[in-house]
C-alpha atoms as a PDB file:
ATOM      1  CA  ARG A   1     115.158 106.567  84.566  1.00  0.00           C
ATOM      2  CA  GLY A   2     114.750 106.709  88.320  1.00  0.00           C
ATOM      3  CA  GLY A   3     118.566 106.300  88.696  1.00  0.00           C
ATOM      4  CA  GLU A   4     119.366 108.980  86.334  1.00  0.00           C
ATOM      5  CA  LEU A   5     116.792 111.413  88.187  1.00  0.00           C
ATOM      6  CA  HIS A   6     118.227 110.300  91.491  1.00  0.00           C
ATOM      7  CA  GLY A   7     121.915 111.252  90.200  1.00  0.00           C
ATOM      8  CA  ARG A   8     120.632 114.539  89.350  1.00  0.00           C
ATOM      9  CA  ALA A   9     119.342 114.869  92.912  1.00  0.00           C
ATOM     10  CA  ASP A  10     115.730 115.315  91.652  1.00  0.00           C
ATOM     11  CA  TYR A  11     114.466 112.884  94.450  1.00  0.00           C
ATOM     12  CA  ALA A  12     110.795 113.799  94.017  1.00  0.00           C
ATOM     13  CA  ALA A  13     110.903 112.793  90.304  1.00  0.00           C
ATOM     14  CA  ALA A  14     112.918 109.824  91.060  1.00  0.00           C
ATOM     15  CA  GLU A  15     110.409 108.799  93.716  1.00  0.00           C
ATOM     16  CA  GLU A  16     107.571 108.960  91.043  1.00  0.00           C
ATOM     17  CA  SER A  17     109.689 107.156  88.529  1.00  0.00           C
ATOM     18  CA  TYR A  18     110.287 104.201  91.030  1.00  0.00           C
ATOM     19  CA  SER A  19     106.516 104.390  91.905  1.00  0.00           C
ATOM     20  CA  ALA A  20     105.514 104.029  88.134  1.00  0.00           C
ATOM     21  CA  ALA A  21     107.907 101.117  87.628  1.00  0.00           C
ATOM     22  CA  LEU A  22     106.297  99.504  90.690  1.00  0.00           C
ATOM     23  CA  ARG A  23     102.664  99.856  89.103  1.00  0.00           C
ATOM     24  CA  ALA A  24     104.214  98.358  85.903  1.00  0.00           C
ATOM     25  CA  ASP A  25     105.804  95.231  87.675  1.00  0.00           C
ATOM     26  CA  ALA A  26     102.901  93.124  87.416  1.00  0.00           C
ATOM     27  CA  ALA A  27     104.722  89.929  88.134  1.00  0.00           C
ATOM     28  CA  GLU A  28     106.440  91.788  91.012  1.00  0.00           C
ATOM     29  CA  LEU A  29     109.904  90.622  89.796  1.00  0.00           C
ATOM     30  CA  LEU A  30     111.810  93.753  90.506  1.00  0.00           C
ATOM     31  CA  THR A  31     109.665  94.904  93.519  1.00  0.00           C
ATOM     32  CA  PRO A  32     112.363  94.593  96.056  1.00  0.00           C
ATOM     33  CA  VAL A  33     115.054  96.428  94.181  1.00  0.00           C
ATOM     34  CA  LEU A  34     112.462  99.218  93.002  1.00  0.00           C
ATOM     35  CA  ARG A  35     111.342  99.622  96.494  1.00  0.00           C
ATOM     36  CA  GLY A  36     114.804  99.643  97.908  1.00  0.00           C
ATOM     37  CA  ASN A  37     115.575 102.307  95.237  1.00  0.00           C
ATOM     38  CA  ARG A  38     112.318 104.506  96.085  1.00  0.00           C
ATOM     39  CA  ALA A  39     113.294 104.108  99.924  1.00  0.00           C
ATOM     40  CA  GLN A  40     116.607 105.720  98.875  1.00  0.00           C
ATOM     41  CA  ALA A  41     114.982 108.794  96.966  1.00  0.00           C
ATOM     42  CA  ARG A  42     112.644 109.005  99.938  1.00  0.00           C
ATOM     43  CA  LEU A  43     115.175 109.166 102.387  1.00  0.00           C
ATOM     44  CA  ARG A  44     117.414 111.850 100.527  1.00  0.00           C
ATOM     45  CA  ALA A  45     114.350 113.769 100.023  1.00  0.00           C
ATOM     46  CA  GLY A  46     113.828 113.906 103.697  1.00  0.00           C
ATOM     47  CA  VAL A  47     110.988 111.369 104.104  1.00  0.00           C
ATOM     48  CA  PRO A  48     112.571 108.670 106.491  1.00  0.00           C
ATOM     49  CA  VAL A  49     109.343 107.147 107.698  1.00  0.00           C
ATOM     50  CA  ARG A  50     108.022 106.560 104.046  1.00  0.00           C
ATOM     51  CA  ALA A  51     111.442 105.308 103.110  1.00  0.00           C
ATOM     52  CA  LEU A  52     111.362 102.880 105.982  1.00  0.00           C
ATOM     53  CA  GLN A  53     108.042 101.569 104.896  1.00  0.00           C
ATOM     54  CA  ASP A  54     109.366 100.749 101.612  1.00  0.00           C
ATOM     55  CA  VAL A  55     112.483  99.263 103.055  1.00  0.00           C
ATOM     56  CA  GLU A  56     110.296  96.995 105.190  1.00  0.00           C
ATOM     57  CA  ALA A  57     108.098  96.036 102.331  1.00  0.00           C
ATOM     58  CA  ALA A  58     111.183  95.133 100.281  1.00  0.00           C
ATOM     59  CA  LEU A  59     112.809  93.116 102.981  1.00  0.00           C
ATOM     60  CA  ALA A  60     109.672  91.062 103.579  1.00  0.00           C
ATOM     61  CA  LEU A  61     110.241  89.789 100.034  1.00  0.00           C
ATOM     62  CA  ASP A  62     114.187  89.508  99.959  1.00  0.00           C
ATOM     63  CA  ALA A  63     115.241  89.118 103.586  1.00  0.00           C
ATOM     64  CA  THR A  64     118.736  88.469 102.585  1.00  0.00           C
ATOM     65  CA  SER A  65     119.576  91.633 100.732  1.00  0.00           C
ATOM     66  CA  THR A  66     122.626  93.398 102.345  1.00  0.00           C
ATOM     67  CA  ARG A  67     121.780  96.544 100.406  1.00  0.00           C
ATOM     68  CA  LEU A  68     118.301  96.734 101.863  1.00  0.00           C
ATOM     69  CA  LEU A  69     119.556  95.978 105.413  1.00  0.00           C
ATOM     70  CA  LEU A  70     121.848  98.949 104.897  1.00  0.00           C
ATOM     71  CA  ARG A  71     118.962 101.062 103.632  1.00  0.00           C
ATOM     72  CA  ARG A  72     117.017 100.449 106.792  1.00  0.00           C
ATOM     73  CA  ALA A  73     119.854 101.190 108.841  1.00  0.00           C
ATOM     74  CA  ALA A  74     120.187 104.620 107.163  1.00  0.00           C
ATOM     75  CA  CYS A  75     116.270 104.874 107.591  1.00  0.00           C
ATOM     76  CA  ASN A  76     116.759 104.009 111.232  1.00  0.00           C
ATOM     77  CA  LEU A  77     119.535 106.448 111.904  1.00  0.00           C
ATOM     78  CA  ALA A  78     117.626 109.104 110.253  1.00  0.00           C
ATOM     79  CA  LEU A  79     114.732 108.440 112.703  1.00  0.00           C
ATOM     80  CA  GLU A  80     117.286 108.659 115.670  1.00  0.00           C
ATOM     81  CA  ARG A  81     116.892 104.845 116.213  1.00  0.00           C
ATOM     82  CA  GLY A  82     120.375 103.837 116.874  1.00  0.00           C
ATOM     83  CA  GLU A  83     119.618 100.358 118.358  1.00  0.00           C
ATOM     84  CA  GLU A  84     117.687  99.425 115.360  1.00  0.00           C
ATOM     85  CA  ALA A  85     120.293 100.653 112.806  1.00  0.00           C
ATOM     86  CA  GLU A  86     123.092  98.896 114.834  1.00  0.00           C
ATOM     87  CA  ALA A  87     121.134  95.392 114.621  1.00  0.00           C
ATOM     88  CA  ASP A  88     120.580  96.245 110.782  1.00  0.00           C
ATOM     89  CA  TYR A  89     124.399  96.602 110.234  1.00  0.00           C
ATOM     90  CA  ARG A  90     125.228  93.655 112.469  1.00  0.00           C
ATOM     91  CA  ALA A  91     122.544  91.612 110.357  1.00  0.00           C
ATOM     92  CA  ALA A  92     124.287  93.004 107.054  1.00  0.00           C
ATOM     93  CA  LEU A  93     127.631  91.988 108.308  1.00  0.00           C
ATOM     94  CA  ALA A  94     126.314  88.300 109.249  1.00  0.00           C
ATOM     95  CA  LEU A  95     125.115  88.043 105.465  1.00  0.00           C
ATOM     96  CA  ASP A  96     128.237  89.545 103.949  1.00  0.00           C
ATOM     97  CA  PRO A  97     131.248  89.557 106.406  1.00  0.00           C
ATOM     98  CA  GLU A  98     133.261  91.662 103.753  1.00  0.00           C
ATOM     99  CA  CYS A  99     130.524  94.473 103.842  1.00  0.00           C
ATOM    100  CA  GLU A 100     132.829  97.647 104.547  1.00  0.00           C
ATOM    101  CA  ALA A 101     129.538 100.040 104.893  1.00  0.00           C
ATOM    102  CA  ALA A 102     128.579  97.867 107.945  1.00  0.00           C
ATOM    103  CA  ARG A 103     131.961  97.450 109.381  1.00  0.00           C
ATOM    104  CA  ARG A 104     132.448 101.344 109.302  1.00  0.00           C
ATOM    105  CA  ALA A 105     129.275 101.871 110.615  1.00  0.00           C
ATOM    106  CA  LEU A 106     129.670  99.422 113.579  1.00  0.00           C
ATOM    107  CA  ALA A 107     132.913 101.276 114.313  1.00  0.00           C
ATOM    108  CA  GLY A 108     130.885 104.425 114.748  1.00  0.00           C
ATOM    109  CA  ASP A 109     128.293 105.634 117.139  1.00  0.00           C
ATOM    110  CA  PHE A 110     124.487 105.106 116.815  1.00  0.00           C
ATOM    111  CA  SER A 111     123.170 108.468 118.207  1.00  0.00           C
ATOM    112  CA  GLY A 112     121.297 109.103 114.984  1.00  0.00           C
ATOM    113  CA  GLY A 113     121.509 111.730 112.343  1.00  0.00           C
ATOM    114  CA  GLY A 114     121.298 110.171 108.978  1.00  0.00           C
ATOM    115  CA  GLY A 115     123.222 107.976 106.882  1.00  0.00           C
ATOM    116  CA  GLU A 116     123.310 106.762 103.347  1.00  0.00           C
ATOM    117  CA  GLY A 117     122.437 103.130 103.196  1.00  0.00           C
ATOM    118  CA  GLY A 118     124.845 102.574 100.229  1.00  0.00           C
ATOM    119  CA  GLU A 119     126.011  99.288  99.001  1.00  0.00           C
ATOM    120  CA  GLY A 120     127.975  96.651 100.928  1.00  0.00           C
END
């Protein structure tokens, strides 16, 4: 449901859908994915600080997720933290040398101003 809402650009509803799923995930099996998805909804809704909090919590559970590193890079760019974003892109590329999103980003400039945090 969250993905469908996100696809319709209803980011507030998507965030709530992911929050409800997190509350229902008692075994925390999906927590990194749900937090990553909620982070993307929060980032798109213009709330990068809260998005970054979600990504940090997700990475604490799954530090080898290229997708989460890309999402954190996008949060850092939105917060005009270019050096941190660059470090995230480099970490993503170290995990997945074929990650096109990280390669493209590293070919660019890190002065801030947004980003998507899509897939590798």
